[in-house]
């Protein structure tokens, strides 16, 4: 019996970097993407074609996209907020465009400064202009709850997904933007989303704000989901959710699934080497655990005292 194949999308250089306070040099970003390209990812979300005034960290989007070495089999995806961003992304030969809006009206107003219907109209125009030239994914934020509104009904999340599915997008990413999801809720929404959208690439995006990130990944996998976002080291967070920590750490989620016998297609040793360089890049410690502790297959030398005790006890 073959192992279930799980696909990971790395978002550290976009979602992770965008809220870092100190500008990360362009060459460093390029080098990190190139290093990640050899780790086995299905996709890498490289950057965002938003206004440089809105996200100064990613003002070098064109240069980064122009300098990275593209590995066969890896899709290089970018976030775009509007038609102008989509045009820039197409010029930079992005393999996929990621569009974002929130399923929560309050969060959408806080994050995008417009009501949901206006966001949908704007993103619909992007889909029309792109007209099949590049695959489009839509990320639905706050799909498991809003820190200002509370519960976001499942039927609303699915209704927004349906509106985009009707436009002909390739995929939907269901996002736990502020870490409010719990495993039973995840299983319910994943089951219904797969039933409703059998022809779409469905991706789950979790944060570890309340320590349930990996449990939610497992609930989604057991429901049949095979695509996940992750951020190296657990970088990221939501500026509109006080106390929200970053995404699940890619290496922690991949390590868990590898240990359970799933096929992630990832080179864990190489990924951990890259992850261990991350604190020096961002100038602070990061939440990821496996890069610090090592994988469970990594054994340590037996202390001399234990060896001596074994000998004394003839063990």
Protein backbone atom coordinates (compact mmCIF):
# COMPACT_ATOMS: atom_id res chain seq x y z
CA UNK A 1 0.00 0.00 0.00
CA UNK A 2 1.48 3.34 -1.09
CA UNK A 3 1.92 6.23 1.32
CA UNK A 4 -0.36 9.25 1.07
CA UNK A 5 1.47 12.09 -0.66
CA UNK A 6 1.35 15.43 1.16
CA UNK A 7 2.35 18.68 -0.56
CA UNK A 8 3.78 21.71 1.25
CA UNK A 9 3.79 25.37 0.27
CA UNK A 10 6.48 27.47 1.98
CA UNK A 11 5.32 31.01 2.83
CA UNK A 12 8.15 32.36 5.01
CA UNK A 13 9.56 34.81 2.47
CA UNK A 14 6.14 36.43 2.00
CA UNK A 15 3.83 35.81 4.94
CA UNK A 16 6.70 35.37 7.37
CA UNK A 17 8.87 38.27 6.29
CA UNK A 18 6.18 40.89 5.73
CA UNK A 19 5.77 41.79 9.40
CA UNK A 20 9.46 41.70 10.31
CA UNK A 21 10.52 45.20 11.40
CA UNK A 22 14.01 45.29 9.85
CA UNK A 23 14.40 45.15 6.07
CA UNK A 24 15.88 41.85 4.91
CA UNK A 25 18.32 42.42 2.03
CA UNK A 26 17.24 41.32 -1.41
CA UNK A 27 20.21 39.00 -1.82
CA UNK A 28 19.35 37.26 1.44
CA UNK A 29 15.77 36.69 0.28
CA UNK A 30 16.99 35.28 -3.03
CA UNK A 31 19.47 32.99 -1.30
CA UNK A 32 16.78 31.71 1.08
CA UNK A 33 14.33 30.97 -1.75
CA UNK A 34 17.11 29.17 -3.65
CA UNK A 35 17.93 27.10 -0.57
CA UNK A 36 14.27 26.24 -0.02
CA UNK A 37 13.92 25.26 -3.68
CA UNK A 38 16.11 22.23 -3.06
CA UNK A 39 14.11 20.95 -0.09
CA UNK A 40 11.19 19.33 -1.89
CA UNK A 41 8.43 21.94 -1.68
CA UNK A 42 5.55 21.84 -4.13
CA UNK A 43 5.24 25.64 -4.00
CA UNK A 44 7.12 28.58 -2.55
CA UNK A 45 5.22 31.84 -2.00
CA UNK A 46 8.11 34.12 -2.82
CA UNK A 47 6.79 37.64 -2.32
CA UNK A 48 3.86 40.02 -2.70
CA UNK A 49 3.15 42.52 -5.46
CA UNK A 50 1.49 45.00 -3.14
CA UNK A 51 2.26 48.70 -2.85
CA UNK A 52 5.77 49.28 -1.48
CA UNK A 53 4.23 51.87 0.83
CA UNK A 54 1.88 49.25 2.28
CA UNK A 55 4.54 46.56 2.78
CA UNK A 56 8.03 48.10 2.56
CA UNK A 57 9.65 44.72 3.32
CA UNK A 58 8.53 43.38 -0.05
CA UNK A 59 9.31 46.45 -2.16
CA UNK A 60 11.90 44.40 -4.06
CA UNK A 61 9.38 41.87 -5.43
CA UNK A 62 10.41 42.23 -9.09
CA UNK A 63 14.11 41.94 -8.32
CA UNK A 64 13.64 38.88 -6.12
CA UNK A 65 11.51 37.12 -8.73
CA UNK A 66 14.06 37.99 -11.40
CA UNK A 67 17.05 36.64 -9.48
CA UNK A 68 15.81 33.37 -7.96
CA UNK A 69 16.89 30.08 -9.55
CA UNK A 70 13.77 28.16 -10.45
CA UNK A 71 13.96 24.47 -9.64
CA UNK A 72 12.03 21.99 -11.80
CA UNK A 73 8.85 20.82 -10.12
CA UNK A 74 8.52 23.83 -7.82
CA UNK A 75 5.81 26.45 -8.41
CA UNK A 76 6.79 30.00 -7.48
CA UNK A 77 3.65 31.75 -6.34
CA UNK A 78 3.07 35.37 -5.31
CA UNK A 79 0.36 37.33 -3.56
CA UNK A 80 -1.41 40.01 -5.60
CA UNK A 81 -4.03 42.45 -4.22
CA UNK A 82 -5.43 43.94 -7.44
CA UNK A 83 -5.11 44.17 -11.22
CA UNK A 84 -1.95 46.29 -11.08
CA UNK A 85 -0.31 43.75 -8.79
CA UNK A 86 -1.40 40.94 -11.11
CA UNK A 87 0.14 42.69 -14.11
CA UNK A 88 3.45 43.08 -12.24
CA UNK A 89 3.33 39.43 -11.21
CA UNK A 90 2.68 38.26 -14.76
CA UNK A 91 5.63 40.32 -16.00
CA UNK A 92 7.75 38.58 -13.35
CA UNK A 93 6.62 35.16 -14.64
CA UNK A 94 4.97 33.97 -11.43
CA UNK A 95 3.69 30.41 -11.69
CA UNK A 96 0.59 31.15 -9.64
CA UNK A 97 -1.22 34.22 -8.32
CA UNK A 98 -2.61 34.12 -4.79
CA UNK A 99 -5.55 36.42 -4.07
CA UNK A 100 -6.68 37.14 -0.51
CA UNK A 101 -9.85 38.31 1.21
CA UNK A 102 -11.41 37.64 4.58
CA UNK A 103 -14.59 35.73 5.30
CA UNK A 104 -15.08 38.11 8.25
CA UNK A 105 -16.45 41.55 7.35
CA UNK A 106 -14.70 43.20 10.30
CA UNK A 107 -11.34 41.61 9.58
CA UNK A 108 -11.64 42.47 5.88
CA UNK A 109 -12.28 46.11 6.78
CA UNK A 110 -9.31 46.13 9.16
CA UNK A 111 -6.94 44.30 6.82
CA UNK A 112 -8.01 45.44 3.34
CA UNK A 113 -9.90 48.64 4.14
CA UNK A 114 -13.00 47.58 2.21
CA UNK A 115 -16.16 45.47 2.64
CA UNK A 116 -16.11 41.86 1.48
CA UNK A 117 -18.31 42.50 -1.56
CA UNK A 118 -15.91 45.18 -2.78
CA UNK A 119 -12.97 42.82 -2.26
CA UNK A 120 -14.75 40.14 -4.25
CA UNK A 121 -15.47 42.58 -7.08
CA UNK A 122 -11.82 43.66 -7.18
CA UNK A 123 -10.51 40.08 -7.15
CA UNK A 124 -13.05 39.04 -9.77
CA UNK A 125 -11.56 41.69 -12.03
CA UNK A 126 -8.10 40.16 -11.47
CA UNK A 127 -9.45 36.76 -12.53
CA UNK A 128 -11.01 38.34 -15.63
CA UNK A 129 -7.82 40.20 -16.62
CA UNK A 130 -5.57 37.17 -16.08
CA UNK A 131 -8.01 35.11 -18.16
CA UNK A 132 -6.34 31.76 -17.67
CA UNK A 133 -2.77 32.89 -18.44
CA UNK A 134 -1.60 31.85 -14.97
CA UNK A 135 -3.34 29.65 -12.37
CA UNK A 136 -5.09 31.51 -9.56
CA UNK A 137 -5.49 30.50 -5.94
CA UNK A 138 -7.75 32.34 -3.50
CA UNK A 139 -6.97 32.44 0.22
CA UNK A 140 -9.98 32.92 2.49
CA UNK A 141 -8.82 34.48 5.77
CA UNK A 142 -10.44 33.99 9.19
CA UNK A 143 -12.26 30.88 7.99
CA UNK A 144 -12.27 29.39 11.50
CA UNK A 145 -13.09 32.52 13.47
CA UNK A 146 -12.45 36.24 13.72
CA UNK A 147 -10.76 37.85 16.75
CA UNK A 148 -13.23 40.76 16.52
CA UNK A 149 -16.45 39.01 15.48
CA UNK A 150 -15.95 35.57 16.97
CA UNK A 151 -17.42 32.63 15.08
CA UNK A 152 -17.52 32.75 11.28
CA UNK A 153 -20.29 30.37 10.19
CA UNK A 154 -19.10 27.47 8.06
CA UNK A 155 -21.79 28.12 5.47
CA UNK A 156 -20.40 31.63 4.91
CA UNK A 157 -16.90 30.30 4.32
CA UNK A 158 -18.23 27.77 1.82
CA UNK A 159 -20.40 30.38 0.11
CA UNK A 160 -17.38 32.63 -0.52
CA UNK A 161 -15.47 29.60 -1.74
CA UNK A 162 -18.29 28.79 -4.15
CA UNK A 163 -18.28 32.31 -5.58
CA UNK A 164 -14.60 31.98 -6.46
CA UNK A 165 -15.00 28.41 -7.69
CA UNK A 166 -17.65 29.69 -10.08
CA UNK A 167 -15.07 32.13 -11.50
CA UNK A 168 -12.83 29.20 -12.45
CA UNK A 169 -9.96 29.58 -9.98
CA UNK A 170 -7.63 26.59 -9.60
CA UNK A 171 -7.47 26.46 -5.82
CA UNK A 172 -8.76 27.64 -2.47
CA UNK A 173 -6.70 28.06 0.68
CA UNK A 174 -8.75 27.93 3.88
CA UNK A 175 -6.92 30.04 6.44
CA UNK A 176 -6.89 29.97 10.22
CA UNK A 177 -5.43 33.47 10.15
CA UNK A 178 -5.44 34.12 13.88
CA UNK A 179 -5.12 30.63 15.32
CA UNK A 180 -8.73 30.11 16.42
CA UNK A 181 -9.31 26.70 14.84
CA UNK A 182 -9.69 23.47 16.80
CA UNK A 183 -9.42 19.94 15.35
CA UNK A 184 -13.09 18.94 15.38
CA UNK A 185 -14.03 22.17 13.62
CA UNK A 186 -11.23 21.65 11.10
CA UNK A 187 -12.45 18.14 10.31
CA UNK A 188 -16.02 19.35 9.71
CA UNK A 189 -15.00 22.16 7.38
CA UNK A 190 -12.49 20.01 5.49
CA UNK A 191 -15.05 17.25 4.96
CA UNK A 192 -17.62 19.68 3.58
CA UNK A 193 -15.13 21.65 1.47
CA UNK A 194 -13.91 18.47 -0.23
CA UNK A 195 -17.48 17.41 -0.90
CA UNK A 196 -18.40 20.85 -2.25
CA UNK A 197 -15.25 21.51 -4.31
CA UNK A 198 -13.94 18.17 -5.64
CA UNK A 199 -12.23 19.79 -8.62
CA UNK A 200 -10.22 22.41 -6.74
CA UNK A 201 -6.81 22.27 -5.11
CA UNK A 202 -7.68 22.70 -1.42
CA UNK A 203 -4.93 23.97 0.88
CA UNK A 204 -5.07 24.52 4.64
CA UNK A 205 -3.23 27.38 6.32
CA UNK A 206 -2.85 27.20 10.10
CA UNK A 207 -1.34 29.42 12.76
CA UNK A 208 -0.11 28.13 16.10
CA UNK A 209 -1.40 31.03 18.19
CA UNK A 210 -3.04 28.77 20.78
CA UNK A 211 -0.82 25.73 20.40
CA UNK A 212 -3.21 23.72 18.21
CA UNK A 213 -1.49 24.16 14.85
CA UNK A 214 -0.12 20.63 14.43
CA UNK A 215 -3.27 19.05 15.86
CA UNK A 216 -5.22 20.93 13.22
CA UNK A 217 -2.85 19.75 10.48
CA UNK A 218 -3.43 16.17 11.60
CA UNK A 219 -7.21 16.64 11.64
CA UNK A 220 -7.08 18.00 8.10
CA UNK A 221 -4.84 15.17 6.85
CA UNK A 222 -7.14 12.58 8.38
CA UNK A 223 -10.03 14.27 6.55
CA UNK A 224 -8.22 13.83 3.25
CA UNK A 225 -6.49 17.19 2.76
CA UNK A 226 -3.06 16.82 1.13
CA UNK A 227 -1.90 20.44 0.70
CA UNK A 228 -0.66 22.76 3.45
CA UNK A 229 0.99 26.13 3.90
CA UNK A 230 3.80 26.40 6.40
CA UNK A 231 6.34 29.03 7.36
CA UNK A 232 9.96 28.14 8.08
CA UNK A 233 10.65 28.51 11.78
CA UNK A 234 7.03 29.51 12.43
CA UNK A 235 7.59 33.07 11.19
CA UNK A 236 4.64 35.38 10.66
CA UNK A 237 1.54 36.53 12.44
CA UNK A 238 -1.45 38.78 11.93
CA UNK A 239 -1.15 42.49 12.77
CA UNK A 240 -4.92 42.64 13.37
CA UNK A 241 -4.94 39.94 16.05
CA UNK A 242 -3.17 41.03 19.24
CA UNK A 243 -0.88 38.26 20.50
CA UNK A 244 -1.20 36.16 17.35
CA UNK A 245 1.92 34.13 16.70
CA UNK A 246 3.12 32.96 13.34
CA UNK A 247 2.16 30.16 11.04
CA UNK A 248 2.84 26.56 11.88
CA UNK A 249 6.55 25.88 11.46
CA UNK A 250 6.97 24.03 8.19
CA UNK A 251 9.72 21.81 9.52
CA UNK A 252 7.69 20.82 12.60
CA UNK A 253 4.62 19.83 10.56
CA UNK A 254 6.69 17.99 7.96
CA UNK A 255 8.66 16.16 10.66
CA UNK A 256 5.40 15.03 12.32
CA UNK A 257 3.92 13.72 9.08
CA UNK A 258 7.16 12.01 8.04
CA UNK A 259 7.29 10.30 11.43
CA UNK A 260 3.72 9.07 10.94
CA UNK A 261 4.56 7.49 7.59
CA UNK A 262 3.18 10.08 5.19
CA UNK A 263 5.16 10.94 2.06
CA UNK A 264 5.93 14.66 2.14
CA UNK A 265 8.58 14.48 -0.55
CA UNK A 266 10.80 16.67 1.63
CA UNK A 267 14.53 16.45 2.33
CA UNK A 268 14.31 16.87 6.10
CA UNK A 269 18.04 17.13 6.72
CA UNK A 270 18.42 19.89 4.17
CA UNK A 271 15.31 21.69 5.44
CA UNK A 272 16.62 21.70 9.00
CA UNK A 273 19.95 23.11 7.87
CA UNK A 274 18.09 25.99 6.22
CA UNK A 275 15.82 26.46 9.25
CA UNK A 276 18.82 26.78 11.57
CA UNK A 277 20.05 29.75 9.53
CA UNK A 278 16.78 31.64 9.97
CA UNK A 279 17.41 33.32 13.36
CA UNK A 280 20.52 34.98 11.93
CA UNK A 281 18.50 36.23 8.95
CA UNK A 282 15.70 37.82 10.97
CA UNK A 283 17.81 38.78 14.00
CA UNK A 284 15.81 36.92 16.64
CA UNK A 285 14.84 33.46 17.80
CA UNK A 286 11.99 31.70 15.99
CA UNK A 287 9.29 29.39 17.39
CA UNK A 288 10.11 26.24 15.41
CA UNK A 289 11.04 23.29 17.65
CA UNK A 290 12.55 20.52 15.52
CA UNK A 291 15.42 22.68 14.28
CA UNK A 292 16.41 23.19 17.92
CA UNK A 293 15.86 19.68 19.27
CA UNK A 294 16.66 17.69 16.15
CA UNK A 295 14.43 15.04 14.57
CA UNK A 296 13.33 12.06 16.66
CA UNK A 297 15.66 9.86 14.60
CA UNK A 298 18.68 11.82 15.83
CA UNK A 299 20.35 9.91 18.65
CA UNK A 300 22.81 11.40 21.12
CA UNK A 301 25.91 9.77 22.63
CA UNK A 302 25.29 7.72 25.76
CA UNK A 303 26.80 9.58 28.75
CA UNK A 304 29.92 7.95 30.17
CA UNK A 305 28.26 7.64 33.57
CA UNK A 306 25.48 5.54 32.07
CA UNK A 307 27.98 3.31 30.24
CA UNK A 308 29.86 2.77 33.50
CA UNK A 309 26.64 1.99 35.39
CA UNK A 310 25.57 -0.51 32.73
CA UNK A 311 28.94 -2.26 33.03
CA UNK A 312 28.69 -2.35 36.83
CA UNK A 313 25.20 -3.82 36.62
CA UNK A 314 26.21 -6.19 33.78
CA UNK A 315 23.41 -4.81 31.59
